[in-house]
């Protein structure tokens, strides 16, 4: 409706300790715009079909169902034609099926490089380069599931950040990005229940280590698809 409302779905191949077949996301939201200020208010339902609890040595390490709903709000200020500054808040009342709240708040900045800076490239390709970054904090409460014996277990809150460079050409988007958190290997294990940490008897995980991730995406439409257009990070845990 005049580019105000949107709805859609995404599917992802994912690896979780509960071994779902894949991840399926349903999304909907609105995008009101006022001059240089734009908002994006959305809701997303994460669905992981055919999950199985992780049970090793007779001990259950994960909940049986990690499906959950998340509400989100974004605001973006286009300070100049090249510079955009934003703020985001995501809230999940039942984060990853853990029966606890999960709130993520972050700030973003993006700068589109002038084509004149890249005059050594063909004119058709010199535009569309941008650098961007995000810094935020995930606030997590105490899980209380069948895996914890319904005894509250504090999940570690953590800082998250990313910085990268993107190139957009018509419907093609190429992105190279560095992701980082301040989670220790033990905190990472407590948050993810990485099976390797169980089998090795270390209670540690390297799933939350720094990572450089490259992606190539082709969109059927160049219209901005909404608040969840570019989910960042790792398994929806590091956003």
Protein backbone atom coordinates (compact mmCIF):
# COMPACT_ATOMS: atom_id res chain seq x y z
CA UNK A 1 0.00 0.00 0.00
CA UNK A 2 1.95 2.98 -1.34
CA UNK A 3 5.12 1.30 0.00
CA UNK A 4 3.85 1.82 3.58
CA UNK A 5 3.07 -1.77 4.58
CA UNK A 6 4.97 -4.95 3.79
CA UNK A 7 4.73 -8.68 4.43
CA UNK A 8 6.79 -11.64 3.38
CA UNK A 9 8.73 -14.73 4.36
CA UNK A 10 12.31 -15.97 4.38
CA UNK A 11 13.84 -19.44 4.58
CA UNK A 12 17.33 -20.22 5.76
CA UNK A 13 19.49 -23.28 6.13
CA UNK A 14 20.58 -23.23 9.75
CA UNK A 15 22.41 -25.36 12.28
CA UNK A 16 21.13 -25.44 15.84
CA UNK A 17 21.60 -28.00 18.62
CA UNK A 18 17.89 -28.89 18.18
CA UNK A 19 18.58 -29.88 14.54
CA UNK A 20 15.62 -28.26 12.75
CA UNK A 21 15.15 -28.94 9.05
CA UNK A 22 15.54 -25.22 8.33
CA UNK A 23 14.46 -21.81 9.61
CA UNK A 24 11.28 -20.21 8.28
CA UNK A 25 10.53 -16.55 9.06
CA UNK A 26 7.20 -14.76 8.62
CA UNK A 27 7.43 -10.96 8.59
CA UNK A 28 5.08 -7.98 8.45
CA UNK A 29 5.35 -4.28 9.22
CA UNK A 30 4.90 -0.66 8.23
CA UNK A 31 7.38 2.01 7.07
CA UNK A 32 6.15 5.57 7.70
CA UNK A 33 8.45 8.31 6.40
CA UNK A 34 8.65 11.98 7.34
CA UNK A 35 11.09 13.93 5.20
CA UNK A 36 14.60 12.78 6.23
CA UNK A 37 13.26 10.61 9.09
CA UNK A 38 11.95 7.12 8.40
CA UNK A 39 10.56 4.48 10.72
CA UNK A 40 10.18 0.73 10.35
CA UNK A 41 7.90 -1.11 12.78
CA UNK A 42 7.69 -4.84 12.28
CA UNK A 43 6.97 -8.23 13.74
CA UNK A 44 8.66 -11.53 12.90
CA UNK A 45 7.87 -15.12 13.77
CA UNK A 46 10.81 -17.56 13.73
CA UNK A 47 9.77 -21.15 13.00
CA UNK A 48 12.12 -24.16 13.21
CA UNK A 49 10.32 -27.31 11.96
CA UNK A 50 10.97 -30.82 13.29
CA UNK A 51 13.19 -29.83 16.20
CA UNK A 52 14.47 -32.44 18.63
CA UNK A 53 15.85 -31.69 22.11
CA UNK A 54 19.57 -32.28 22.47
CA UNK A 55 19.97 -35.23 24.85
CA UNK A 56 23.43 -36.66 25.59
CA UNK A 57 24.21 -39.19 28.28
CA UNK A 58 20.63 -39.05 29.49
CA UNK A 59 20.84 -35.30 30.12
CA UNK A 60 18.66 -32.83 28.21
CA UNK A 61 20.62 -29.73 27.20
CA UNK A 62 18.08 -27.80 25.13
CA UNK A 63 14.40 -27.00 25.12
CA UNK A 64 12.15 -28.95 22.76
CA UNK A 65 10.98 -25.92 20.81
CA UNK A 66 12.87 -22.70 20.02
CA UNK A 67 10.15 -21.04 17.90
CA UNK A 68 9.50 -17.46 18.98
CA UNK A 69 8.03 -14.11 18.01
CA UNK A 70 9.97 -10.83 17.94
CA UNK A 71 8.84 -7.20 17.70
CA UNK A 72 11.12 -4.55 16.25
CA UNK A 73 11.37 -0.83 15.68
CA UNK A 74 13.91 1.07 13.60
CA UNK A 75 14.43 4.76 13.00
CA UNK A 76 16.75 6.13 10.31
CA UNK A 77 17.83 9.73 9.79
CA UNK A 78 19.24 10.64 6.38
CA UNK A 79 21.58 13.39 7.56
CA UNK A 80 22.98 13.95 4.05
CA UNK A 81 22.48 12.13 0.75
CA UNK A 82 25.55 10.05 1.66
CA UNK A 83 25.23 9.68 5.46
CA UNK A 84 22.50 7.74 7.30
CA UNK A 85 22.30 7.30 11.10
CA UNK A 86 19.95 4.85 12.75
CA UNK A 87 18.77 3.25 15.99
CA UNK A 88 17.09 -0.13 16.49
CA UNK A 89 15.23 -1.99 19.23
CA UNK A 90 14.21 -5.66 19.02
CA UNK A 91 12.12 -7.36 21.74
CA UNK A 92 11.29 -11.06 22.10
CA UNK A 93 8.99 -11.98 25.02
CA UNK A 94 10.02 -15.65 24.74
CA UNK A 95 13.55 -15.51 23.34
CA UNK A 96 14.40 -18.77 21.50
CA UNK A 97 11.70 -20.55 23.48
CA UNK A 98 13.64 -19.98 26.72
CA UNK A 99 10.69 -18.42 28.61
CA UNK A 100 12.62 -15.22 29.18
CA UNK A 101 12.76 -11.79 27.58
CA UNK A 102 15.40 -10.85 25.04
CA UNK A 103 15.97 -7.19 24.12
CA UNK A 104 18.51 -5.94 21.62
CA UNK A 105 19.29 -2.22 21.19
CA UNK A 106 21.80 -0.83 18.72
CA UNK A 107 22.95 2.15 16.72
CA UNK A 108 23.98 2.12 13.07
CA UNK A 109 25.81 4.37 10.65
CA UNK A 110 26.27 4.07 6.89
CA UNK A 111 28.12 6.22 4.40
CA UNK A 112 27.80 5.94 0.61
CA UNK A 113 31.12 6.59 -1.08
CA UNK A 114 31.07 9.27 -3.81
CA UNK A 115 31.60 7.75 -7.24
CA UNK A 116 34.41 10.28 -7.82
CA UNK A 117 36.44 8.50 -5.14
CA UNK A 118 36.41 5.38 -7.31
CA UNK A 119 37.10 6.99 -10.66
CA UNK A 120 39.50 4.17 -11.56
CA UNK A 121 36.45 1.89 -11.95
CA UNK A 122 34.09 1.92 -14.95
CA UNK A 123 31.43 4.58 -14.42
CA UNK A 124 28.62 2.00 -14.31
CA UNK A 125 30.24 0.25 -11.31
CA UNK A 126 31.78 3.16 -9.39
CA UNK A 127 28.54 4.04 -7.63
CA UNK A 128 26.84 1.90 -5.01
CA UNK A 129 29.79 1.39 -2.63
CA UNK A 130 29.14 2.07 1.04
CA UNK A 131 30.73 1.45 4.42
CA UNK A 132 28.60 0.78 7.48
CA UNK A 133 28.75 -0.38 11.06
CA UNK A 134 26.60 -1.31 14.02
CA UNK A 135 27.14 -1.49 17.76
CA UNK A 136 24.63 -2.83 20.25
CA UNK A 137 23.86 -4.79 23.39
CA UNK A 138 21.67 -7.85 23.91
CA UNK A 139 19.88 -7.92 27.27
CA UNK A 140 18.87 -11.47 28.24
CA UNK A 141 17.07 -12.75 31.31
CA UNK A 142 16.95 -16.14 33.05
CA UNK A 143 15.91 -19.19 31.03
CA UNK A 144 13.39 -21.50 32.66
CA UNK A 145 12.74 -24.57 30.52
CA UNK A 146 12.67 -28.36 30.66
CA UNK A 147 16.42 -28.26 29.92
CA UNK A 148 17.06 -26.31 33.17
CA UNK A 149 14.62 -28.40 35.19
CA UNK A 150 12.44 -25.27 35.21
CA UNK A 151 15.00 -23.68 37.54
CA UNK A 152 15.99 -20.14 36.40
CA UNK A 153 19.35 -20.09 34.61
CA UNK A 154 20.84 -16.70 33.80
CA UNK A 155 21.67 -16.27 30.13
CA UNK A 156 24.68 -14.02 29.46
CA UNK A 157 23.95 -10.56 28.09
CA UNK A 158 26.56 -9.34 25.64
CA UNK A 159 27.83 -6.61 23.33
CA UNK A 160 27.79 -7.08 19.57
CA UNK A 161 29.27 -5.11 16.68
CA UNK A 162 29.91 -5.31 12.97
CA UNK A 163 31.63 -3.20 10.33
CA UNK A 164 31.82 -3.80 6.61
CA UNK A 165 31.69 -2.63 3.03
CA UNK A 166 28.87 -3.20 0.53
CA UNK A 167 28.40 -2.77 -3.18
CA UNK A 168 24.96 -2.47 -4.75
CA UNK A 169 24.43 -2.71 -8.51
CA UNK A 170 20.84 -2.78 -9.74
CA UNK A 171 19.31 -5.80 -7.95
CA UNK A 172 22.66 -7.23 -6.80
CA UNK A 173 24.10 -6.65 -3.32
CA UNK A 174 27.59 -7.84 -2.34
CA UNK A 175 28.66 -7.44 1.30
CA UNK A 176 31.84 -8.23 3.27
CA UNK A 177 31.54 -7.75 7.03
CA UNK A 178 33.46 -8.34 10.28
CA UNK A 179 31.33 -9.48 13.25
CA UNK A 180 32.37 -9.57 16.90
CA UNK A 181 30.95 -10.11 20.40
CA UNK A 182 32.45 -9.96 23.87
CA UNK A 183 31.14 -13.39 24.87
CA UNK A 184 33.74 -15.69 26.41
CA UNK A 185 33.86 -19.33 25.23
CA UNK A 186 32.09 -20.41 28.46
CA UNK A 187 29.38 -17.77 28.08
CA UNK A 188 28.97 -18.79 24.45
CA UNK A 189 28.41 -22.40 25.50
CA UNK A 190 25.88 -21.36 28.15
CA UNK A 191 23.97 -19.42 25.51
CA UNK A 192 24.14 -21.89 22.61
CA UNK A 193 24.53 -25.39 24.15
CA UNK A 194 27.13 -26.14 21.47
CA UNK A 195 27.27 -29.98 21.31
CA UNK A 196 31.06 -29.88 20.89
CA UNK A 197 31.39 -28.30 24.33
CA UNK A 198 29.41 -31.21 25.76
CA UNK A 199 31.14 -34.03 23.89
CA UNK A 200 34.60 -32.63 24.66
CA UNK A 201 33.67 -32.02 28.30
CA UNK A 202 34.97 -28.44 28.14
CA UNK A 203 31.74 -26.49 28.58
CA UNK A 204 33.16 -24.05 26.02
CA UNK A 205 32.21 -23.03 22.49
CA UNK A 206 33.89 -21.13 19.67
CA UNK A 207 30.58 -20.38 17.91
CA UNK A 208 30.73 -16.77 19.16
CA UNK A 209 34.26 -16.05 17.91
CA UNK A 210 35.04 -13.10 15.65
CA UNK A 211 34.11 -13.81 12.03
CA UNK A 212 34.38 -12.25 8.58
CA UNK A 213 31.29 -13.08 6.52
CA UNK A 214 30.76 -12.39 2.85
CA UNK A 215 27.38 -12.55 1.18
CA UNK A 216 25.88 -12.11 -2.29
CA UNK A 217 22.17 -11.40 -2.64
CA UNK A 218 19.88 -10.91 -5.60
CA UNK A 219 16.56 -9.16 -4.94
CA UNK A 220 13.54 -9.50 -7.19
CA UNK A 221 12.71 -5.87 -6.36
CA UNK A 222 14.93 -2.93 -5.48
CA UNK A 223 12.27 -1.61 -3.08
CA UNK A 224 13.45 -1.79 0.54
CA UNK A 225 11.73 -4.93 1.90
CA UNK A 226 11.56 -3.75 5.50
CA UNK A 227 13.00 -4.01 8.97
CA UNK A 228 14.16 -7.60 8.57
CA UNK A 229 15.65 -7.17 5.11
CA UNK A 230 19.22 -7.73 6.26
CA UNK A 231 19.29 -9.92 9.37
CA UNK A 232 22.83 -9.71 10.61
CA UNK A 233 25.05 -11.89 12.70
CA UNK A 234 24.86 -15.49 13.70
CA UNK A 235 21.77 -17.68 14.05
CA UNK A 236 19.67 -14.72 15.18
CA UNK A 237 21.73 -14.77 18.37
CA UNK A 238 24.24 -12.13 17.23
CA UNK A 239 22.27 -9.51 15.42
